Amino acid sequence: MPKKNVRFDYFKVWSDYFNETTNMMEQSLTDLTEAIKAAQSIDVSRRILVVGDDVARLQNIKFNNNKWELHFMRIRKQGFPVRTKDDGTVNFFDDMEDDEGLGEEVSALYDPQTHVIMIRRNMFSLSPSAIANFFTTIVGGPGFSIYFKPLVHPRAMELIQNDHLIRGATVYVSDVKNAKSRTKFSLGRLTNKTEDINESVNYSIKISLNQKGSKKNSNIPIYEELQELEEDANVESIEVRTKANEDAKVEYVDLVKHRLTDFNVFTDRDFDNNFRNIVHETVIAKMQQLYRTRVDEIKNTYV
């Protein structure tokens, strides 16, 4: 009996833009509605975004219950798995045409009232930054870019204060090439070396004081950088070792665990007739249901 545990992440939609009045780059909450409507007017065959060596397509757009239901399809045209049979034989996908590929479904739900987008996450799904970049290209404009901020509990950073002594941190960033520019700056110039690589690159960094010989009041001055990293959807792990003062014990803080996330277990009745996949319609209906249970919390806590 098949079962599948699916993760859903929540993000606020923001944008960087050039303010001609102040002659400065600024940030603001952003409504995706006009970008989605613009995408709706584009023929489905041209709603394409590049994801490493693959492409993805915004397959379907539907407005339902005052929310936008988005159905993306990531299309794999290389690196296919093989077909195997119970008798031990193996066959390759050598009958695929040039205009064919294997599709991986990705569902997203956008609420214009809260500026929150909910995205289904899995191994082959689109990263939040890839979806944000797609809508950036739709809107266009000099200096304009859309990005998604994870919904992080507002008290999460209170666990680490500016006057605390940071003893170490381990950060994991997925698809660093598509992370926010402020994240790249925070991580340092090493990330610039990934720009010419035509695929997703994962980046893991660990910084810490030497346990032997370090003073009790030693501190790694990365508080501001941690604040920046916490707001990037591509940063999947931020584990920090800190203490309130030089005589306090070292405490471990995981900032990412304070992000708003849901999980749902889909069973055999949720799969298609071949028991191989959970179709978009089933997933998006569950997302609508989960979102209804979260919307008051989102409005009252994640302002």
C-alpha atoms as a PDB file:
ATOM      1  CA  MET A   1       0.000   0.000   0.000  1.00  0.00           C
ATOM      2  CA  PRO A   2       1.821   3.168  -1.186  1.00  0.00           C
ATOM      3  CA  LYS A   3       2.357   6.126   1.114  1.00  0.00           C
ATOM      4  CA  LYS A   4       4.154   9.390   0.524  1.00  0.00           C
ATOM      5  CA  ASN A   5       5.062  12.120   3.006  1.00  0.00           C
ATOM      6  CA  VAL A   6       4.974  15.510   1.283  1.00  0.00           C
ATOM      7  CA  ARG A   7       6.387  18.775   2.638  1.00  0.00           C
ATOM      8  CA  PHE A   8       4.876  22.209   2.082  1.00  0.00           C
ATOM      9  CA  ASP A   9       6.731  25.469   2.766  1.00  0.00           C
ATOM     10  CA  TYR A  10       5.312  28.966   3.180  1.00  0.00           C
ATOM     11  CA  PHE A  11       6.912  32.179   1.880  1.00  0.00           C
ATOM     12  CA  LYS A  12       6.151  35.890   1.754  1.00  0.00           C
ATOM     13  CA  VAL A  13       6.576  37.465  -1.682  1.00  0.00           C
ATOM     14  CA  TRP A  14       8.994  40.413  -1.736  1.00  0.00           C
ATOM     15  CA  SER A  15      10.754  42.376  -4.429  1.00  0.00           C
ATOM     16  CA  ASP A  16      13.761  44.607  -4.901  1.00  0.00           C
ATOM     17  CA  TYR A  17      13.070  47.628  -7.113  1.00  0.00           C
ATOM     18  CA  PHE A  18      14.592  50.930  -8.095  1.00  0.00           C
ATOM     19  CA  ASN A  19      12.800  53.932  -6.629  1.00  0.00           C
ATOM     20  CA  GLU A  20      13.253  56.780  -9.098  1.00  0.00           C
ATOM     21  CA  THR A  21      12.131  59.345  -6.504  1.00  0.00           C
ATOM     22  CA  THR A  22      14.776  58.435  -3.932  1.00  0.00           C
ATOM     23  CA  ASN A  23      17.238  57.170  -6.575  1.00  0.00           C
ATOM     24  CA  MET A  24      17.813  54.093  -4.413  1.00  0.00           C
ATOM     25  CA  MET A  25      17.113  50.354  -4.477  1.00  0.00           C
ATOM     26  CA  GLU A  26      14.285  49.486  -2.073  1.00  0.00           C
ATOM     27  CA  GLN A  27      12.349  46.423  -0.901  1.00  0.00           C
ATOM     28  CA  SER A  28       8.649  45.839  -0.411  1.00  0.00           C
ATOM     29  CA  LEU A  29       5.976  43.174  -0.085  1.00  0.00           C
ATOM     30  CA  THR A  30       4.747  42.321  -3.566  1.00  0.00           C
ATOM     31  CA  ASP A  31       1.481  41.055  -5.013  1.00  0.00           C
ATOM     32  CA  LEU A  32       2.006  38.372  -7.662  1.00  0.00           C
ATOM     33  CA  THR A  33      -1.477  38.762  -9.119  1.00  0.00           C
ATOM     34  CA  GLU A  34      -0.525  40.876 -12.146  1.00  0.00           C
ATOM     35  CA  ALA A  35       2.476  38.649 -12.903  1.00  0.00           C
ATOM     36  CA  ILE A  36       0.253  35.554 -12.741  1.00  0.00           C
ATOM     37  CA  LYS A  37      -2.329  37.163 -15.016  1.00  0.00           C
ATOM     38  CA  ALA A  38       0.438  38.102 -17.432  1.00  0.00           C
ATOM     39  CA  ALA A  39       1.646  34.488 -17.432  1.00  0.00           C
ATOM     40  CA  GLN A  40      -1.934  33.379 -18.095  1.00  0.00           C
ATOM     41  CA  SER A  41      -1.935  35.342 -21.344  1.00  0.00           C
ATOM     42  CA  ILE A  42       1.190  33.521 -22.580  1.00  0.00           C
ATOM     43  CA  ASP A  43       0.720  30.298 -24.519  1.00  0.00           C
ATOM     44  CA  VAL A  44       1.521  27.330 -22.271  1.00  0.00           C
ATOM     45  CA  SER A  45       4.280  26.164 -24.628  1.00  0.00           C
ATOM     46  CA  ARG A  46       6.174  29.415 -23.939  1.00  0.00           C
ATOM     47  CA  ARG A  47       5.734  29.559 -20.144  1.00  0.00           C
ATOM     48  CA  ILE A  48       9.224  28.152 -19.718  1.00  0.00           C
ATOM     49  CA  LEU A  49      11.917  28.595 -17.106  1.00  0.00           C
ATOM     50  CA  VAL A  50      15.403  27.067 -17.194  1.00  0.00           C
ATOM     51  CA  VAL A  51      16.429  24.953 -14.199  1.00  0.00           C
ATOM     52  CA  GLY A  52      20.036  23.777 -14.531  1.00  0.00           C
ATOM     53  CA  ASP A  53      20.101  21.304 -17.417  1.00  0.00           C
ATOM     54  CA  ASP A  54      16.321  20.888 -17.273  1.00  0.00           C
ATOM     55  CA  VAL A  55      13.448  23.179 -18.100  1.00  0.00           C
ATOM     56  CA  ALA A  56      10.149  23.728 -16.318  1.00  0.00           C
ATOM     57  CA  ARG A  57       6.784  24.922 -17.542  1.00  0.00           C
ATOM     58  CA  LEU A  58       3.888  26.641 -15.819  1.00  0.00           C
ATOM     59  CA  GLN A  59       1.374  24.089 -17.015  1.00  0.00           C
ATOM     60  CA  ASN A  60      -1.850  25.416 -15.567  1.00  0.00           C
ATOM     61  CA  ILE A  61      -3.182  28.477 -13.728  1.00  0.00           C
ATOM     62  CA  LYS A  62      -6.504  28.550 -11.892  1.00  0.00           C
ATOM     63  CA  PHE A  63      -8.146  31.085  -9.572  1.00  0.00           C
ATOM     64  CA  ASN A  64     -10.080  29.188  -6.894  1.00  0.00           C
ATOM     65  CA  ASN A  65     -11.328  30.237  -3.438  1.00  0.00           C
ATOM     66  CA  ASN A  66      -9.712  33.669  -3.933  1.00  0.00           C
ATOM     67  CA  LYS A  67      -6.308  32.040  -4.366  1.00  0.00           C
ATOM     68  CA  TRP A  68      -4.147  31.230  -7.372  1.00  0.00           C
ATOM     69  CA  GLU A  69      -3.481  27.536  -7.965  1.00  0.00           C
ATOM     70  CA  LEU A  70      -0.278  27.061  -9.970  1.00  0.00           C
ATOM     71  CA  HIS A  71       0.748  23.799 -11.585  1.00  0.00           C
ATOM     72  CA  PHE A  72       4.401  23.654 -12.657  1.00  0.00           C
ATOM     73  CA  MET A  73       5.970  20.766 -14.534  1.00  0.00           C
ATOM     74  CA  ARG A  74       9.718  20.202 -14.287  1.00  0.00           C
ATOM     75  CA  ILE A  75      10.793  18.384 -17.433  1.00  0.00           C
ATOM     76  CA  ARG A  76      13.793  16.064 -17.335  1.00  0.00           C
ATOM     77  CA  LYS A  77      15.358  15.403 -20.721  1.00  0.00           C
ATOM     78  CA  GLN A  78      18.475  13.625 -19.520  1.00  0.00           C
ATOM     79  CA  GLY A  79      19.647  11.577 -16.557  1.00  0.00           C
ATOM     80  CA  PHE A  80      16.628   9.305 -16.863  1.00  0.00           C
ATOM     81  CA  PRO A  81      16.198   6.317 -14.546  1.00  0.00           C
ATOM     82  CA  VAL A  82      15.949   2.858 -16.137  1.00  0.00           C
ATOM     83  CA  ARG A  83      12.924   0.592 -16.448  1.00  0.00           C
ATOM     84  CA  THR A  84      13.268  -2.711 -14.647  1.00  0.00           C
ATOM     85  CA  LYS A  85      11.063  -5.811 -14.551  1.00  0.00           C
ATOM     86  CA  ASP A  86      10.575  -8.427 -11.871  1.00  0.00           C
ATOM     87  CA  ASP A  87      12.282 -10.987 -14.116  1.00  0.00           C
ATOM     88  CA  GLY A  88      15.539  -9.025 -13.794  1.00  0.00           C
ATOM     89  CA  THR A  89      15.572  -7.385 -17.221  1.00  0.00           C
ATOM     90  CA  VAL A  90      16.506  -3.727 -17.617  1.00  0.00           C
ATOM     91  CA  ASN A  91      15.366  -1.357 -20.368  1.00  0.00           C
ATOM     92  CA  PHE A  92      16.416   2.190 -21.086  1.00  0.00           C
ATOM     93  CA  PHE A  93      14.214   5.090 -22.145  1.00  0.00           C
ATOM     94  CA  ASP A  94      15.665   5.058 -25.657  1.00  0.00           C
ATOM     95  CA  ASP A  95      12.322   5.638 -27.365  1.00  0.00           C
ATOM     96  CA  MET A  96      11.953   9.242 -26.188  1.00  0.00           C
ATOM     97  CA  GLU A  97      11.558  11.867 -28.905  1.00  0.00           C
ATOM     98  CA  ASP A  98      13.594  15.095 -28.835  1.00  0.00           C
ATOM     99  CA  ASP A  99      10.506  17.050 -27.795  1.00  0.00           C
ATOM    100  CA  GLU A 100       9.661  14.624 -24.954  1.00  0.00           C
ATOM    101  CA  GLY A 101      10.825  14.363 -21.361  1.00  0.00           C
ATOM    102  CA  LEU A 102       9.865  13.052 -17.944  1.00  0.00           C
ATOM    103  CA  GLY A 103       7.680  15.475 -16.007  1.00  0.00           C
ATOM    104  CA  GLU A 104       7.870  16.122 -12.260  1.00  0.00           C
ATOM    105  CA  GLU A 105       4.814  17.954 -10.936  1.00  0.00           C
ATOM    106  CA  VAL A 106       5.174  20.948  -8.606  1.00  0.00           C
ATOM    107  CA  SER A 107       2.149  22.629  -7.038  1.00  0.00           C
ATOM    108  CA  ALA A 108       1.985  26.140  -5.587  1.00  0.00           C
ATOM    109  CA  LEU A 109      -0.816  28.112  -3.936  1.00  0.00           C
ATOM    110  CA  TYR A 110      -0.732  31.929  -3.801  1.00  0.00           C
ATOM    111  CA  ASP A 111      -2.932  34.110  -1.566  1.00  0.00           C
ATOM    112  CA  PRO A 112      -3.089  37.749  -2.773  1.00  0.00           C
ATOM    113  CA  GLN A 113      -4.532  38.900   0.574  1.00  0.00           C
ATOM    114  CA  THR A 114      -1.499  37.822   2.604  1.00  0.00           C
ATOM    115  CA  HIS A 115       1.164  37.866  -0.163  1.00  0.00           C
ATOM    116  CA  VAL A 116       1.976  34.280   0.871  1.00  0.00           C
ATOM    117  CA  ILE A 117       2.894  31.509  -1.550  1.00  0.00           C
ATOM    118  CA  MET A 118       2.779  27.869  -0.422  1.00  0.00           C
ATOM    119  CA  ILE A 119       4.986  25.445  -2.384  1.00  0.00           C
ATOM    120  CA  ARG A 120       5.130  21.666  -2.494  1.00  0.00           C
ATOM    121  CA  ARG A 121       8.730  20.548  -1.946  1.00  0.00           C
ATOM    122  CA  ASN A 122      10.401  17.297  -2.968  1.00  0.00           C
ATOM    123  CA  MET A 123      13.644  16.002  -4.418  1.00  0.00           C
ATOM    124  CA  PHE A 124      12.818  17.009  -7.986  1.00  0.00           C
ATOM    125  CA  SER A 125      10.682  20.069  -7.285  1.00  0.00           C
ATOM    126  CA  LEU A 126      11.480  23.600  -8.339  1.00  0.00           C
ATOM    127  CA  SER A 127      13.331  25.720  -5.816  1.00  0.00           C
ATOM    128  CA  PRO A 128      11.473  28.799  -4.522  1.00  0.00           C
ATOM    129  CA  SER A 129      14.131  30.989  -6.166  1.00  0.00           C
ATOM    130  CA  ALA A 130      13.491  29.367  -9.562  1.00  0.00           C
ATOM    131  CA  ILE A 131       9.770  30.160  -9.317  1.00  0.00           C
ATOM    132  CA  ALA A 132      10.528  33.706  -8.128  1.00  0.00           C
ATOM    133  CA  ASN A 133      12.948  34.209 -11.041  1.00  0.00           C
ATOM    134  CA  PHE A 134      10.246  33.059 -13.463  1.00  0.00           C
ATOM    135  CA  PHE A 135       7.893  35.796 -12.280  1.00  0.00           C
ATOM    136  CA  THR A 136      10.738  38.324 -12.303  1.00  0.00           C
ATOM    137  CA  THR A 137      11.203  37.690 -16.026  1.00  0.00           C
ATOM    138  CA  ILE A 138       7.448  38.116 -16.556  1.00  0.00           C
ATOM    139  CA  VAL A 139       7.384  41.529 -14.865  1.00  0.00           C
ATOM    140  CA  GLY A 140      10.792  42.789 -15.995  1.00  0.00           C
ATOM    141  CA  GLY A 141      12.057  46.302 -15.376  1.00  0.00           C
ATOM    142  CA  PRO A 142      15.533  47.636 -14.495  1.00  0.00           C
ATOM    143  CA  GLY A 143      16.736  46.499 -11.099  1.00  0.00           C
ATOM    144  CA  PHE A 144      13.474  44.668 -10.373  1.00  0.00           C
ATOM    145  CA  SER A 145      13.581  41.163  -8.897  1.00  0.00           C
ATOM    146  CA  ILE A 146      11.080  39.031  -6.991  1.00  0.00           C
ATOM    147  CA  TYR A 147      12.172  36.787  -4.156  1.00  0.00           C
ATOM    148  CA  PHE A 148      10.466  34.649  -1.525  1.00  0.00           C
ATOM    149  CA  LYS A 149      11.185  35.013   2.197  1.00  0.00           C
ATOM    150  CA  PRO A 150      10.455  31.966   4.378  1.00  0.00           C
ATOM    151  CA  LEU A 151       7.873  32.610   7.080  1.00  0.00           C
ATOM    152  CA  VAL A 152      10.091  32.611  10.164  1.00  0.00           C
ATOM    153  CA  HIS A 153       8.594  33.026  13.619  1.00  0.00           C
ATOM    154  CA  PRO A 154       9.243  36.656  14.656  1.00  0.00           C
ATOM    155  CA  ARG A 155      10.842  35.584  17.929  1.00  0.00           C
ATOM    156  CA  ALA A 156      13.306  33.180  16.327  1.00  0.00           C
ATOM    157  CA  MET A 157      16.182  35.678  16.145  1.00  0.00           C
ATOM    158  CA  GLU A 158      15.598  36.593  19.792  1.00  0.00           C
ATOM    159  CA  LEU A 159      17.311  33.304  20.562  1.00  0.00           C
ATOM    160  CA  ILE A 160      20.481  34.971  19.293  1.00  0.00           C
ATOM    161  CA  GLN A 161      21.075  38.581  20.252  1.00  0.00           C
ATOM    162  CA  ASN A 162      23.684  40.986  18.987  1.00  0.00           C
ATOM    163  CA  ASP A 163      25.558  40.986  22.281  1.00  0.00           C
ATOM    164  CA  HIS A 164      25.696  37.188  22.499  1.00  0.00           C
ATOM    165  CA  LEU A 165      29.011  35.471  21.872  1.00  0.00           C
ATOM    166  CA  ILE A 166      28.747  33.400  18.691  1.00  0.00           C
ATOM    167  CA  ARG A 167      31.125  30.466  18.932  1.00  0.00           C
ATOM    168  CA  GLY A 168      30.313  28.758  15.658  1.00  0.00           C
ATOM    169  CA  ALA A 169      27.781  28.270  12.875  1.00  0.00           C
ATOM    170  CA  THR A 170      27.030  25.685  10.205  1.00  0.00           C
ATOM    171  CA  VAL A 171      25.081  26.860   7.156  1.00  0.00           C
ATOM    172  CA  TYR A 172      23.742  24.801   4.256  1.00  0.00           C
ATOM    173  CA  VAL A 173      22.593  26.583   1.100  1.00  0.00           C
ATOM    174  CA  SER A 174      20.916  24.766  -1.787  1.00  0.00           C
ATOM    175  CA  ASP A 175      21.222  26.120  -5.330  1.00  0.00           C
ATOM    176  CA  VAL A 176      23.516  28.925  -4.185  1.00  0.00           C
ATOM    177  CA  LYS A 177      23.651  30.422  -7.688  1.00  0.00           C
ATOM    178  CA  ASN A 178      20.003  31.433  -7.380  1.00  0.00           C
ATOM    179  CA  ALA A 179      20.193  32.638  -3.773  1.00  0.00           C
ATOM    180  CA  LYS A 180      19.623  36.321  -3.002  1.00  0.00           C
ATOM    181  CA  SER A 181      22.507  38.667  -3.691  1.00  0.00           C
ATOM    182  CA  ARG A 182      22.630  39.635  -0.027  1.00  0.00           C
ATOM    183  CA  THR A 183      23.057  35.965   0.870  1.00  0.00           C
ATOM    184  CA  LYS A 184      25.949  35.623  -1.560  1.00  0.00           C
ATOM    185  CA  PHE A 185      27.562  38.702  -0.093  1.00  0.00           C
ATOM    186  CA  SER A 186      27.099  37.307   3.413  1.00  0.00           C
ATOM    187  CA  LEU A 187      28.711  34.024   2.464  1.00  0.00           C
ATOM    188  CA  GLY A 188      31.616  35.788   0.823  1.00  0.00           C
ATOM    189  CA  ARG A 189      33.236  35.832  -2.581  1.00  0.00           C
ATOM    190  CA  LEU A 190      33.568  32.042  -2.781  1.00  0.00           C
ATOM    191  CA  THR A 191      30.048  31.791  -4.175  1.00  0.00           C
ATOM    192  CA  ASN A 192      30.985  33.905  -7.200  1.00  0.00           C
ATOM    193  CA  LYS A 193      32.907  30.939  -8.565  1.00  0.00           C
ATOM    194  CA  THR A 194      29.599  29.126  -9.209  1.00  0.00           C
ATOM    195  CA  GLU A 195      28.225  31.682 -11.655  1.00  0.00           C
ATOM    196  CA  ASP A 196      29.596  29.964 -14.760  1.00  0.00           C
ATOM    197  CA  ILE A 197      28.351  26.502 -13.752  1.00  0.00           C
ATOM    198  CA  ASN A 198      25.179  25.637 -15.674  1.00  0.00           C
ATOM    199  CA  GLU A 199      23.540  23.610 -12.901  1.00  0.00           C
ATOM    200  CA  SER A 200      22.479  23.859  -9.279  1.00  0.00           C
ATOM    201  CA  VAL A 201      25.371  23.953  -6.814  1.00  0.00           C
ATOM    202  CA  ASN A 202      24.999  23.181  -3.107  1.00  0.00           C
ATOM    203  CA  TYR A 203      27.128  25.104  -0.643  1.00  0.00           C
ATOM    204  CA  SER A 204      27.918  24.101   2.925  1.00  0.00           C
ATOM    205  CA  ILE A 205      29.994  26.236   5.268  1.00  0.00           C
ATOM    206  CA  LYS A 206      31.102  25.696   8.832  1.00  0.00           C
ATOM    207  CA  ILE A 207      32.814  28.377  10.865  1.00  0.00           C
ATOM    208  CA  SER A 208      33.892  27.939  14.456  1.00  0.00           C
ATOM    209  CA  LEU A 209      36.485  28.846  17.054  1.00  0.00           C
ATOM    210  CA  ASN A 210      39.225  26.397  17.876  1.00  0.00           C
ATOM    211  CA  GLN A 211      38.062  24.561  20.993  1.00  0.00           C
ATOM    212  CA  LYS A 212      41.563  24.518  22.385  1.00  0.00           C
ATOM    213  CA  GLY A 213      43.008  27.845  23.431  1.00  0.00           C
ATOM    214  CA  SER A 214      40.075  30.118  22.600  1.00  0.00           C
ATOM    215  CA  LYS A 215      39.177  32.752  25.184  1.00  0.00           C
ATOM    216  CA  LYS A 216      35.861  32.657  27.037  1.00  0.00           C
ATOM    217  CA  ASN A 217      34.867  36.006  25.547  1.00  0.00           C
ATOM    218  CA  SER A 218      35.859  35.184  21.969  1.00  0.00           C
ATOM    219  CA  ASN A 219      33.155  35.940  19.418  1.00  0.00           C
ATOM    220  CA  ILE A 220      32.716  35.398  15.678  1.00  0.00           C
ATOM    221  CA  PRO A 221      31.153  38.646  14.377  1.00  0.00           C
ATOM    222  CA  ILE A 222      28.540  37.180  12.037  1.00  0.00           C
ATOM    223  CA  TYR A 223      25.271  38.250  13.700  1.00  0.00           C
ATOM    224  CA  GLU A 224      24.158  40.484  10.814  1.00  0.00           C
ATOM    225  CA  GLU A 225      25.027  37.809   8.250  1.00  0.00           C
ATOM    226  CA  LEU A 226      22.903  35.261  10.139  1.00  0.00           C
ATOM    227  CA  GLN A 227      19.950  37.632   9.988  1.00  0.00           C
ATOM    228  CA  GLU A 228      20.332  37.932   6.220  1.00  0.00           C
ATOM    229  CA  LEU A 229      20.704  34.182   5.709  1.00  0.00           C
ATOM    230  CA  GLU A 230      17.599  33.409   7.752  1.00  0.00           C
ATOM    231  CA  GLU A 231      15.447  35.286   5.236  1.00  0.00           C
ATOM    232  CA  ASP A 232      16.593  33.356   2.148  1.00  0.00           C
ATOM    233  CA  ALA A 233      14.515  30.383   1.005  1.00  0.00           C
ATOM    234  CA  ASN A 234      17.602  28.656  -0.411  1.00  0.00           C
ATOM    235  CA  VAL A 235      19.240  28.504   3.027  1.00  0.00           C
ATOM    236  CA  GLU A 236      18.081  25.166   4.398  1.00  0.00           C
ATOM    237  CA  SER A 237      20.100  24.919   7.599  1.00  0.00           C
ATOM    238  CA  ILE A 238      21.446  27.457  10.100  1.00  0.00           C
ATOM    239  CA  GLU A 239      22.793  25.849  13.245  1.00  0.00           C
ATOM    240  CA  VAL A 240      24.482  28.254  15.617  1.00  0.00           C
ATOM    241  CA  ARG A 241      26.538  27.742  18.773  1.00  0.00           C
ATOM    242  CA  THR A 242      26.197  30.745  21.049  1.00  0.00           C
ATOM    243  CA  LYS A 243      26.234  31.837  24.685  1.00  0.00           C
ATOM    244  CA  ALA A 244      24.681  34.847  26.400  1.00  0.00           C
ATOM    245  CA  ASN A 245      27.944  35.912  28.073  1.00  0.00           C
ATOM    246  CA  GLU A 246      31.461  34.624  28.647  1.00  0.00           C
ATOM    247  CA  ASP A 247      30.479  32.625  31.759  1.00  0.00           C
ATOM    248  CA  ALA A 248      27.324  31.054  30.280  1.00  0.00           C
ATOM    249  CA  LYS A 249      27.144  27.592  28.769  1.00  0.00           C
ATOM    250  CA  VAL A 250      27.203  27.187  25.004  1.00  0.00           C
ATOM    251  CA  GLU A 251      23.726  26.641  23.551  1.00  0.00           C
ATOM    252  CA  TYR A 252      22.771  25.221  20.171  1.00  0.00           C
ATOM    253  CA  VAL A 253      20.162  27.125  18.152  1.00  0.00           C
ATOM    254  CA  ASP A 254      18.606  25.938  14.875  1.00  0.00           C
ATOM    255  CA  LEU A 255      17.061  28.991  13.231  1.00  0.00           C
ATOM    256  CA  VAL A 256      15.545  27.142  10.275  1.00  0.00           C
ATOM    257  CA  LYS A 257      13.309  24.953  12.452  1.00  0.00           C
ATOM    258  CA  HIS A 258      11.292  28.083  13.257  1.00  0.00           C
ATOM    259  CA  ARG A 259      10.122  28.368   9.649  1.00  0.00           C
ATOM    260  CA  LEU A 260       6.482  27.619   8.929  1.00  0.00           C
ATOM    261  CA  THR A 261       6.218  24.188   7.308  1.00  0.00           C
ATOM    262  CA  ASP A 262       3.516  21.545   6.944  1.00  0.00           C
ATOM    263  CA  PHE A 263       3.665  17.842   6.129  1.00  0.00           C
ATOM    264  CA  ASN A 264       0.947  15.544   4.852  1.00  0.00           C
ATOM    265  CA  VAL A 265       0.956  11.787   4.337  1.00  0.00           C
ATOM    266  CA  PHE A 266      -0.797  10.778   1.120  1.00  0.00           C
ATOM    267  CA  THR A 267      -2.063   7.177   1.022  1.00  0.00           C
ATOM    268  CA  ASP A 268      -3.147   4.791  -1.743  1.00  0.00           C
ATOM    269  CA  ARG A 269      -6.514   6.488  -2.202  1.00  0.00           C
ATOM    270  CA  ASP A 270      -4.693   9.716  -3.087  1.00  0.00           C
ATOM    271  CA  PHE A 271      -2.594   8.154  -5.872  1.00  0.00           C
ATOM    272  CA  ASP A 272      -3.638   7.859  -9.512  1.00  0.00           C
ATOM    273  CA  ASN A 273      -5.037   4.615 -10.899  1.00  0.00           C
ATOM    274  CA  ASN A 274      -1.539   3.251 -11.541  1.00  0.00           C
ATOM    275  CA  PHE A 275      -0.528   3.856  -7.881  1.00  0.00           C
ATOM    276  CA  ARG A 276       2.576   5.693  -9.075  1.00  0.00           C
ATOM    277  CA  ASN A 277       1.891   9.377  -8.610  1.00  0.00           C
ATOM    278  CA  ILE A 278      -0.170  11.927  -6.700  1.00  0.00           C
ATOM    279  CA  VAL A 279      -1.796  14.174  -9.256  1.00  0.00           C
ATOM    280  CA  HIS A 280      -1.738  17.961  -8.970  1.00  0.00           C
ATOM    281  CA  GLU A 281      -5.502  18.227  -8.361  1.00  0.00           C
ATOM    282  CA  THR A 282      -5.220  16.042  -5.257  1.00  0.00           C
ATOM    283  CA  VAL A 283      -2.187  17.914  -3.944  1.00  0.00           C
ATOM    284  CA  ILE A 284      -3.614  21.403  -4.508  1.00  0.00           C
ATOM    285  CA  ALA A 285      -6.886  20.467  -2.795  1.00  0.00           C
ATOM    286  CA  LYS A 286      -4.899  19.389   0.265  1.00  0.00           C
ATOM    287  CA  MET A 287      -2.879  22.623   0.082  1.00  0.00           C
ATOM    288  CA  GLN A 288      -6.102  24.648   0.124  1.00  0.00           C
ATOM    289  CA  GLN A 289      -7.209  22.701   3.201  1.00  0.00           C
ATOM    290  CA  LEU A 290      -3.885  23.107   5.018  1.00  0.00           C
ATOM    291  CA  TYR A 291      -3.724  26.792   4.182  1.00  0.00           C
ATOM    292  CA  ARG A 292      -7.177  27.402   5.685  1.00  0.00           C
ATOM    293  CA  THR A 293      -5.903  26.035   9.004  1.00  0.00           C
ATOM    294  CA  ARG A 294      -2.878  28.360   8.865  1.00  0.00           C
ATOM    295  CA  VAL A 295      -4.287  31.619   7.516  1.00  0.00           C
ATOM    296  CA  ASP A 296      -5.227  33.158  10.894  1.00  0.00           C
ATOM    297  CA  GLU A 297      -1.787  32.296  12.272  1.00  0.00           C
ATOM    298  CA  ILE A 298      -0.173  33.811   9.185  1.00  0.00           C
ATOM    299  CA  LYS A 299      -2.167  37.037   9.518  1.00  0.00           C
ATOM    300  CA  ASN A 300      -1.664  37.418  13.268  1.00  0.00           C
ATOM    301  CA  THR A 301       1.898  36.137  13.761  1.00  0.00           C
ATOM    302  CA  TYR A 302       3.831  36.315  10.507  1.00  0.00           C
ATOM    303  CA  VAL A 303       3.053  39.935   9.694  1.00  0.00           C
END
